[in-house]
Protein backbone atom coordinates (compact mmCIF):
# COMPACT_ATOMS: atom_id res chain seq x y z
CA MET A 1 -26.43 -3.78 -1.91
CA ARG A 2 -27.96 -2.58 1.49
CA GLY A 3 -24.26 -2.29 2.85
CA SER A 4 -23.09 -0.27 -0.17
CA LEU A 5 -26.18 2.17 0.37
CA ARG A 6 -25.27 2.58 4.02
CA ARG A 7 -21.72 3.48 3.09
CA ALA A 8 -22.77 5.82 0.55
CA ALA A 9 -25.20 7.56 2.90
CA PHE A 10 -22.55 7.80 5.60
CA LEU A 11 -20.12 9.37 3.13
CA LEU A 12 -22.70 11.82 1.85
CA ALA A 13 -23.72 12.89 5.43
CA LEU A 14 -19.93 13.54 6.12
CA VAL A 15 -19.58 15.70 3.00
CA ALA A 16 -22.75 17.56 3.82
CA ALA A 17 -21.63 18.18 7.42
CA TRP A 18 -18.17 19.32 6.06
CA ALA A 19 -19.85 21.66 3.44
CA THR A 20 -22.24 23.12 6.27
CA VAL A 21 -19.20 23.87 8.50
CA SER A 22 -17.37 25.51 5.60
CA SER A 23 -20.45 27.60 4.45
CA LEU A 24 -21.14 28.92 7.95
CA GLY A 25 -17.63 30.16 8.35
CA ILE A 26 -16.90 28.19 11.57
CA VAL A 27 -13.56 27.39 10.38
CA ARG A 28 -11.27 29.61 8.15
CA PRO A 29 -11.06 28.47 4.53
CA TRP A 30 -7.22 28.16 4.79
CA VAL A 31 -7.79 25.77 7.58
CA LEU A 32 -10.59 23.83 6.12
CA PRO A 33 -11.70 24.55 2.44
CA SER A 34 -15.06 23.65 1.21
CA PRO A 35 -15.74 20.41 -0.62
CA LEU A 36 -16.23 22.39 -3.82
CA ASP A 37 -12.73 24.04 -3.47
CA VAL A 38 -11.18 20.56 -3.18
CA VAL A 39 -13.09 19.32 -6.15
CA HIS A 40 -11.99 22.31 -8.15
CA SER A 41 -8.29 21.63 -7.01
CA VAL A 42 -8.49 17.96 -8.06
CA GLY A 43 -9.82 19.10 -11.38
CA ASP A 44 -7.07 21.64 -11.78
CA GLY A 45 -4.47 19.08 -10.89
CA LEU A 46 -5.81 16.57 -13.49
CA THR A 47 -6.02 19.11 -16.33
CA ASP A 48 -3.17 21.75 -15.73
CA ARG A 49 -0.83 19.96 -18.00
CA LEU A 50 2.08 20.68 -15.53
CA GLY A 51 2.94 17.02 -15.14
CA PRO A 52 5.54 14.99 -17.09
CA ARG A 53 5.19 14.20 -20.89
CA TRP A 54 3.50 10.81 -21.47
CA CYS A 55 3.87 9.07 -24.84
CA LEU A 56 1.92 6.07 -25.99
CA GLY A 57 1.84 4.74 -29.49
CA GLY A 58 3.61 7.79 -30.84
CA HIS A 59 1.00 10.19 -29.30
CA CYS A 60 2.40 12.37 -26.51
CA VAL A 61 0.57 14.43 -24.02
CA HIS A 62 1.46 16.43 -20.92
CA LEU A 63 -0.22 15.08 -17.91
CA GLY A 64 -1.79 17.13 -15.24
CA SER A 65 0.29 17.80 -12.06
CA ILE A 66 -1.76 15.20 -10.04
CA ALA A 67 -2.02 12.60 -12.78
CA GLY A 68 1.82 12.82 -13.43
CA ALA A 69 2.58 12.63 -9.68
CA VAL A 70 0.21 9.51 -9.46
CA VAL A 71 2.09 7.76 -12.35
CA ILE A 72 5.43 8.49 -10.75
CA SER A 73 4.45 7.37 -7.32
CA MET A 74 2.57 4.27 -8.51
CA ARG A 75 5.57 3.25 -10.57
CA ARG A 76 7.81 3.51 -7.42
CA LEU A 77 5.25 1.69 -5.38
CA LEU A 78 4.62 -1.31 -7.64
CA ILE A 79 8.35 -1.89 -8.06
CA GLY A 80 9.10 -1.66 -4.46
CA TYR A 81 6.03 -3.62 -3.47
CA ALA A 82 6.66 -6.51 -6.00
CA ILE A 83 10.23 -7.00 -4.58
CA SER A 84 8.82 -6.83 -1.06
CA LEU A 85 6.14 -9.52 -1.94
CA VAL A 86 8.52 -11.98 -3.37
CA GLY A 87 11.34 -11.50 -0.72
CA GLY A 88 8.72 -11.39 2.10
CA VAL A 89 6.86 -14.56 1.16
CA LEU A 90 10.20 -16.44 0.69
CA LEU A 91 11.66 -15.03 4.00
CA GLY A 92 8.43 -16.02 5.87
CA LEU A 93 8.39 -19.51 4.41
CA SER A 94 12.03 -19.94 5.49
CA LEU A 95 11.50 -18.76 8.90
CA ALA A 96 8.50 -21.11 9.36
CA ARG A 97 10.22 -24.16 8.24
CA SER A 98 13.65 -23.61 9.73
CA ARG A 99 14.19 -23.45 13.55
CA LEU A 100 17.79 -22.13 13.06
CA LEU A 101 16.55 -19.29 10.95
CA GLU A 102 13.71 -18.57 13.30
CA GLU A 103 16.04 -18.28 16.21
CA SER A 104 18.50 -15.99 14.25
CA VAL A 105 17.16 -14.11 11.53
CA GLY A 106 13.63 -14.21 13.00
CA THR A 107 14.66 -12.10 15.94
CA LEU A 108 15.92 -9.33 13.55
CA VAL A 109 12.81 -9.52 11.58
CA LEU A 110 10.63 -8.93 14.74
CA ALA A 111 13.00 -6.29 16.01
CA PHE A 112 13.10 -4.35 12.64
CA GLN A 113 9.27 -4.74 12.28
CA ALA A 114 8.78 -2.61 15.41
CA LEU A 115 11.07 0.16 13.83
CA PRO A 116 8.97 2.67 11.64
CA SER A 117 10.28 2.68 8.15
CA ILE A 118 10.93 6.39 8.31
CA CYS A 119 13.72 5.73 10.56
CA TRP A 120 15.60 4.13 7.63
CA LEU A 121 15.36 7.09 5.51
CA PRO A 122 18.51 8.84 6.96
CA LEU A 123 20.38 5.77 6.51
CA ALA A 124 19.19 5.39 2.89
CA VAL A 125 20.20 8.84 1.97
CA LEU A 126 23.60 8.30 3.32
CA TRP A 127 24.00 5.09 1.45
CA PHE A 128 22.33 5.88 -1.70
CA GLY A 129 22.07 9.75 -1.80
CA LEU A 130 18.87 11.68 -2.76
CA SER A 131 17.82 9.21 -5.48
CA GLU A 132 15.22 6.75 -6.66
CA THR A 133 17.08 4.02 -4.97
CA THR A 134 16.56 5.70 -1.63
CA ILE A 135 12.80 5.83 -1.99
CA LEU A 136 12.62 2.18 -3.29
CA PHE A 137 14.71 1.11 -0.37
CA VAL A 138 12.43 2.70 2.35
CA VAL A 139 9.34 1.36 0.47
CA ILE A 140 10.88 -2.26 0.38
CA ILE A 141 12.00 -2.30 3.97
CA GLY A 142 8.61 -0.80 5.07
CA SER A 143 6.48 -3.64 3.51
CA LEU A 144 8.87 -6.69 3.28
CA LEU A 145 8.95 -7.38 7.03
CA SER A 146 5.20 -7.25 7.53
CA ILE A 147 4.67 -9.59 4.65
CA ALA A 148 7.47 -11.93 6.01
CA VAL A 149 5.79 -12.15 9.48
CA ALA A 150 2.40 -12.73 8.09
CA ALA A 151 3.67 -15.41 5.76
CA GLU A 152 5.57 -17.11 8.68
CA VAL A 153 2.28 -17.11 10.76
CA GLY A 154 0.20 -18.47 7.94
CA VAL A 155 2.63 -21.32 7.40
CA ARG A 156 2.74 -22.15 11.10
CA ASN A 157 -1.16 -22.14 11.24
CA VAL A 158 -1.29 -24.87 8.50
CA PRO A 159 -2.82 -27.93 10.22
CA PRO A 160 -0.16 -30.63 10.82
CA LEU A 161 -2.55 -33.41 9.89
CA LEU A 162 -2.78 -31.80 6.37
CA ILE A 163 0.92 -32.01 6.04
CA ARG A 164 1.16 -35.64 7.40
CA ALA A 165 -1.71 -36.48 4.89
CA ALA A 166 0.29 -34.99 1.96
CA ARG A 167 3.31 -36.68 2.94
CA THR A 168 1.54 -39.96 3.21
CA MET A 169 0.41 -39.45 -0.44
CA GLY A 170 3.95 -38.87 -1.54
CA ALA A 171 4.35 -35.08 -1.57
CA ARG A 172 7.91 -34.08 -0.71
CA GLY A 173 10.17 -31.04 -0.97
CA PRO A 174 8.97 -28.36 -3.49
CA THR A 175 5.88 -30.15 -4.23
CA LEU A 176 4.77 -30.16 -0.66
CA TYR A 177 5.27 -26.48 -0.41
CA LEU A 178 3.74 -25.52 -3.73
CA ARG A 179 0.81 -27.95 -3.71
CA VAL A 180 -0.09 -28.01 0.08
CA ILE A 181 1.57 -25.46 2.40
CA LEU A 182 1.63 -22.39 0.38
CA PRO A 183 -2.12 -22.75 -0.73
CA ALA A 184 -3.03 -23.65 2.96
CA ALA A 185 -1.18 -20.41 4.12
CA LEU A 186 -2.72 -18.22 1.52
CA PRO A 187 -5.34 -16.52 3.80
CA GLY A 188 -2.52 -15.34 6.16
CA ILE A 189 -0.25 -14.36 3.35
CA ILE A 190 -3.14 -12.16 1.73
CA THR A 191 -3.38 -10.41 5.10
CA GLY A 192 0.22 -9.78 5.05
CA MET A 193 0.02 -8.56 1.44
CA LYS A 194 -2.74 -6.05 2.48
CA LEU A 195 -0.58 -4.78 5.37
CA GLY A 196 2.46 -4.67 3.20
CA TRP A 197 0.61 -2.61 0.64
CA THR A 198 -0.41 -0.05 3.26
CA PHE A 199 3.04 0.19 4.87
CA ALA A 200 4.42 0.55 1.35
CA TRP A 201 2.16 3.58 0.67
CA ARG A 202 3.08 5.16 4.01
CA SER A 203 6.88 4.52 3.40
CA LEU A 204 6.68 5.97 -0.18
CA LEU A 205 4.93 9.22 0.99
CA ALA A 206 7.33 9.63 3.82
CA GLY A 207 10.26 9.41 1.46
CA GLU A 208 8.79 11.67 -1.16
CA LEU A 209 8.02 14.39 1.58
CA ILE A 210 11.54 14.54 2.56
CA PHE A 211 12.84 15.73 -0.74
CA LEU A 212 11.30 16.79 -4.06
CA SER A 213 10.97 13.74 -6.20
CA GLY A 214 8.01 14.37 -8.46
CA GLY A 215 5.61 12.17 -6.79
CA ILE A 216 2.38 12.51 -4.72
CA GLY A 217 4.47 13.37 -1.64
CA GLN A 218 6.00 16.33 -3.51
CA LEU A 219 2.52 17.69 -4.28
CA LEU A 220 1.78 17.60 -0.47
CA LYS A 221 4.83 19.38 0.32
CA ILE A 222 4.09 22.12 -2.27
CA GLY A 223 0.74 22.47 -0.84
CA GLU A 224 2.13 22.93 2.69
CA ASP A 225 4.76 25.39 1.54
CA THR A 226 2.32 27.59 -0.39
CA ASN A 227 -0.25 27.27 2.35
CA ASP A 228 -2.83 25.72 -0.16
CA MET A 229 -5.04 23.57 2.03
CA ALA A 230 -7.26 22.80 -0.87
CA ARG A 231 -4.42 21.29 -2.64
CA VAL A 232 -3.30 19.31 0.23
CA MET A 233 -6.91 17.82 0.88
CA ALA A 234 -7.16 17.19 -2.97
CA VAL A 235 -3.88 15.12 -2.87
CA MET A 236 -5.34 13.36 0.22
CA ALA A 237 -8.51 12.66 -1.55
CA VAL A 238 -6.61 11.08 -4.51
CA ILE A 239 -4.63 9.01 -2.17
CA ILE A 240 -7.72 7.71 -0.48
CA ALA A 241 -9.38 7.03 -3.90
CA LEU A 242 -6.44 5.04 -5.02
CA GLY A 243 -6.23 3.04 -1.87
CA LEU A 244 -10.00 2.15 -2.00
CA THR A 245 -9.68 1.22 -5.65
CA ILE A 246 -6.85 -1.11 -5.02
CA GLU A 247 -8.62 -2.63 -2.07
CA LEU A 248 -11.88 -3.19 -3.85
CA LEU A 249 -10.59 -4.29 -7.25
CA VAL A 250 -7.58 -6.40 -6.14
CA PHE A 251 -7.28 -7.43 -2.55
CA SER A 252 -11.01 -7.84 -1.68
CA ARG A 253 -11.62 -10.02 -4.80
CA VAL A 254 -8.51 -12.14 -4.21
CA GLU A 255 -9.42 -12.65 -0.41
CA GLN A 256 -13.02 -13.50 -1.50
CA ARG A 257 -11.94 -16.06 -3.97
CA ILE A 258 -9.57 -17.66 -1.38
CA ARG A 259 -12.25 -17.70 1.33
CA GLU A 260 -14.67 -19.36 -1.09
CA ARG A 261 -11.95 -21.94 -2.25
CA TRP A 262 -11.36 -22.97 1.45
CA GLY A 263 -14.93 -23.03 2.53
CA TYR A 264 -14.86 -20.04 4.80
CA ASP A 265 -17.82 -18.41 3.34
CA ARG A 266 -20.97 -20.53 3.56
CA HIS A 267 -23.52 -18.33 2.11
């Protein structure tokens, strides 16, 4: 509770300092808009009905521009991330348990991991054109490798004594992986999942910024083209809010349960 109060107090202090700088005119409004202008921009983006039409149970509404962009971007992000998660975990397990794959495919994984995902965008455009597939490809390639590396490290850090004990008790093949190795490697895999989610976000926004695609990146580009800094900061605030929400509601809870399951938290 005390930690939450400290975080809230720190954020309030930042907003107060921001509002003070804006009100004193130290920075021009088109360079740094006031917090109130950003809040108004968020509200307008949620209620302007300029987004796509959304139908549920026979009832259709027009979403706001920000809400519509969030829906479009989150759909792309979830599809790409789900593919990356499955492929990355399987690839990481394979690299950890096969010396041949480690010495061949593993070298490529490490090499491509050092390559920013935005570098893949020109190739994706040439291969798939200006399409949804292009953005999904960039999202997948941006997050899959980090998940694979974390999964490989997590499996390699499983105590050998644990594996030998499981084999002594008759665990072999898929049973050994599903009942022993994978659960023991989960802390490392969760770390890779968090990194993969972050890289997927960055790759998605990079792809959406390159060409108009109806997502959050497009709103950022429109704000830049119209010199509307309040819109730009409003979209940034929405991105931050989404990231914190996913972190607190999903990753933090999963990580906490795993830590409790394996006895890392003693209080």
